């Protein structure tokens, strides 16, 4: 069974660069990858906050959050 990987971003240049790097590096045989653009899908902001995401881009692997660089804080996306 594959693990879940969720990549949250806001569409900024930092986020897009991180997404491209992530997709080329993450083993899709091990992970089901979901990309969530919080700039266009604001309904997922509360989900991201509950997971502990403070800024995007961020990667969640099996509910563990990894903040990548800094594109925007979640409060800026509200």
C-alpha atoms as a PDB file:
ATOM      1  CA  UNK A   1       0.000   0.000   0.000  1.00  0.00           C
ATOM      2  CA  UNK A   2       1.291   3.442  -0.940  1.00  0.00           C
ATOM      3  CA  UNK A   3       1.756   6.250   1.556  1.00  0.00           C
ATOM      4  CA  UNK A   4       0.004   9.586   1.037  1.00  0.00           C
ATOM      5  CA  UNK A   5       1.990  12.680   0.094  1.00  0.00           C
ATOM      6  CA  UNK A   6       0.241  16.057  -0.104  1.00  0.00           C
ATOM      7  CA  UNK A   7       2.024  19.113  -1.466  1.00  0.00           C
ATOM      8  CA  UNK A   8       0.404  22.417  -0.480  1.00  0.00           C
ATOM      9  CA  UNK A   9       1.312  25.581  -2.364  1.00  0.00           C
ATOM     10  CA  UNK A  10       0.017  28.998  -3.394  1.00  0.00           C
ATOM     11  CA  UNK A  11       1.172  29.196  -6.996  1.00  0.00           C
ATOM     12  CA  UNK A  12       4.028  31.631  -6.379  1.00  0.00           C
ATOM     13  CA  UNK A  13       7.393  31.153  -8.163  1.00  0.00           C
ATOM     14  CA  UNK A  14       8.957  29.575  -5.043  1.00  0.00           C
ATOM     15  CA  UNK A  15       6.049  27.116  -4.821  1.00  0.00           C
ATOM     16  CA  UNK A  16       6.120  26.197  -8.504  1.00  0.00           C
ATOM     17  CA  UNK A  17       9.859  25.551  -8.370  1.00  0.00           C
ATOM     18  CA  UNK A  18       9.431  23.374  -5.272  1.00  0.00           C
ATOM     19  CA  UNK A  19       6.575  21.460  -6.933  1.00  0.00           C
ATOM     20  CA  UNK A  20       8.673  20.698 -10.017  1.00  0.00           C
ATOM     21  CA  UNK A  21      11.602  19.524  -7.870  1.00  0.00           C
ATOM     22  CA  UNK A  22       9.337  17.467  -5.649  1.00  0.00           C
ATOM     23  CA  UNK A  23       7.566  15.699  -8.499  1.00  0.00           C
ATOM     24  CA  UNK A  24      10.855  14.707 -10.102  1.00  0.00           C
ATOM     25  CA  UNK A  25      12.370  13.506  -6.811  1.00  0.00           C
ATOM     26  CA  UNK A  26       9.487  11.770  -5.014  1.00  0.00           C
ATOM     27  CA  UNK A  27       9.154   8.032  -5.603  1.00  0.00           C
ATOM     28  CA  UNK A  28       5.638   7.670  -6.997  1.00  0.00           C
ATOM     29  CA  UNK A  29       5.891   3.905  -6.502  1.00  0.00           C
ATOM     30  CA  UNK A  30       5.914   4.574  -2.747  1.00  0.00           C
ATOM     31  CA  UNK A  31       3.663   7.637  -2.540  1.00  0.00           C
ATOM     32  CA  UNK A  32       0.298   8.709  -3.885  1.00  0.00           C
ATOM     33  CA  UNK A  33       0.924  12.408  -4.522  1.00  0.00           C
ATOM     34  CA  UNK A  34      -1.770  15.055  -4.281  1.00  0.00           C
ATOM     35  CA  UNK A  35      -1.092  18.688  -5.208  1.00  0.00           C
ATOM     36  CA  UNK A  36      -3.214  21.300  -3.412  1.00  0.00           C
ATOM     37  CA  UNK A  37      -3.131  24.891  -4.698  1.00  0.00           C
ATOM     38  CA  UNK A  38      -4.350  26.889  -1.698  1.00  0.00           C
ATOM     39  CA  UNK A  39      -4.522  30.060  -3.753  1.00  0.00           C
ATOM     40  CA  UNK A  40      -7.373  28.616  -5.801  1.00  0.00           C
ATOM     41  CA  UNK A  41      -8.791  26.053  -3.333  1.00  0.00           C
ATOM     42  CA  UNK A  42      -9.327  28.060  -0.160  1.00  0.00           C
ATOM     43  CA  UNK A  43     -11.647  25.351   1.188  1.00  0.00           C
ATOM     44  CA  UNK A  44      -8.525  23.350   2.068  1.00  0.00           C
ATOM     45  CA  UNK A  45      -6.926  26.098   4.229  1.00  0.00           C
ATOM     46  CA  UNK A  46      -8.425  24.776   7.477  1.00  0.00           C
ATOM     47  CA  UNK A  47      -7.165  21.285   6.628  1.00  0.00           C
ATOM     48  CA  UNK A  48      -3.651  22.661   6.116  1.00  0.00           C
ATOM     49  CA  UNK A  49      -3.811  24.560   9.416  1.00  0.00           C
ATOM     50  CA  UNK A  50      -4.999  21.459  11.291  1.00  0.00           C
ATOM     51  CA  UNK A  51      -1.995  19.564   9.950  1.00  0.00           C
ATOM     52  CA  UNK A  52       0.314  22.257  11.353  1.00  0.00           C
ATOM     53  CA  UNK A  53       1.268  23.986   8.121  1.00  0.00           C
ATOM     54  CA  UNK A  54       2.401  27.554   8.786  1.00  0.00           C
ATOM     55  CA  UNK A  55       3.616  28.507   5.307  1.00  0.00           C
ATOM     56  CA  UNK A  56       3.753  27.169   1.796  1.00  0.00           C
ATOM     57  CA  UNK A  57       5.222  25.406  -0.014  1.00  0.00           C
ATOM     58  CA  UNK A  58       4.869  22.491   2.389  1.00  0.00           C
ATOM     59  CA  UNK A  59       4.920  18.742   1.951  1.00  0.00           C
ATOM     60  CA  UNK A  60       2.992  16.361   4.191  1.00  0.00           C
ATOM     61  CA  UNK A  61       4.159  12.746   4.269  1.00  0.00           C
ATOM     62  CA  UNK A  62       2.048  10.457   6.425  1.00  0.00           C
ATOM     63  CA  UNK A  63       0.768  13.499   8.374  1.00  0.00           C
ATOM     64  CA  UNK A  64       4.299  14.807   9.057  1.00  0.00           C
ATOM     65  CA  UNK A  65       4.796  18.372   7.786  1.00  0.00           C
ATOM     66  CA  UNK A  66       7.925  19.514   5.974  1.00  0.00           C
ATOM     67  CA  UNK A  67       8.128  23.232   5.258  1.00  0.00           C
ATOM     68  CA  UNK A  68      10.070  23.978   2.078  1.00  0.00           C
ATOM     69  CA  UNK A  69      11.640  27.413   1.674  1.00  0.00           C
ATOM     70  CA  UNK A  70       9.110  30.248   2.155  1.00  0.00           C
ATOM     71  CA  UNK A  71       6.590  31.397  -0.419  1.00  0.00           C
ATOM     72  CA  UNK A  72       3.661  32.660   1.675  1.00  0.00           C
ATOM     73  CA  UNK A  73       2.239  32.246   5.145  1.00  0.00           C
ATOM     74  CA  UNK A  74      -1.188  30.659   5.457  1.00  0.00           C
ATOM     75  CA  UNK A  75      -2.536  33.861   6.973  1.00  0.00           C
ATOM     76  CA  UNK A  76      -1.641  35.658   3.717  1.00  0.00           C
ATOM     77  CA  UNK A  77      -3.849  33.234   1.787  1.00  0.00           C
ATOM     78  CA  UNK A  78      -7.023  33.852   3.789  1.00  0.00           C
END
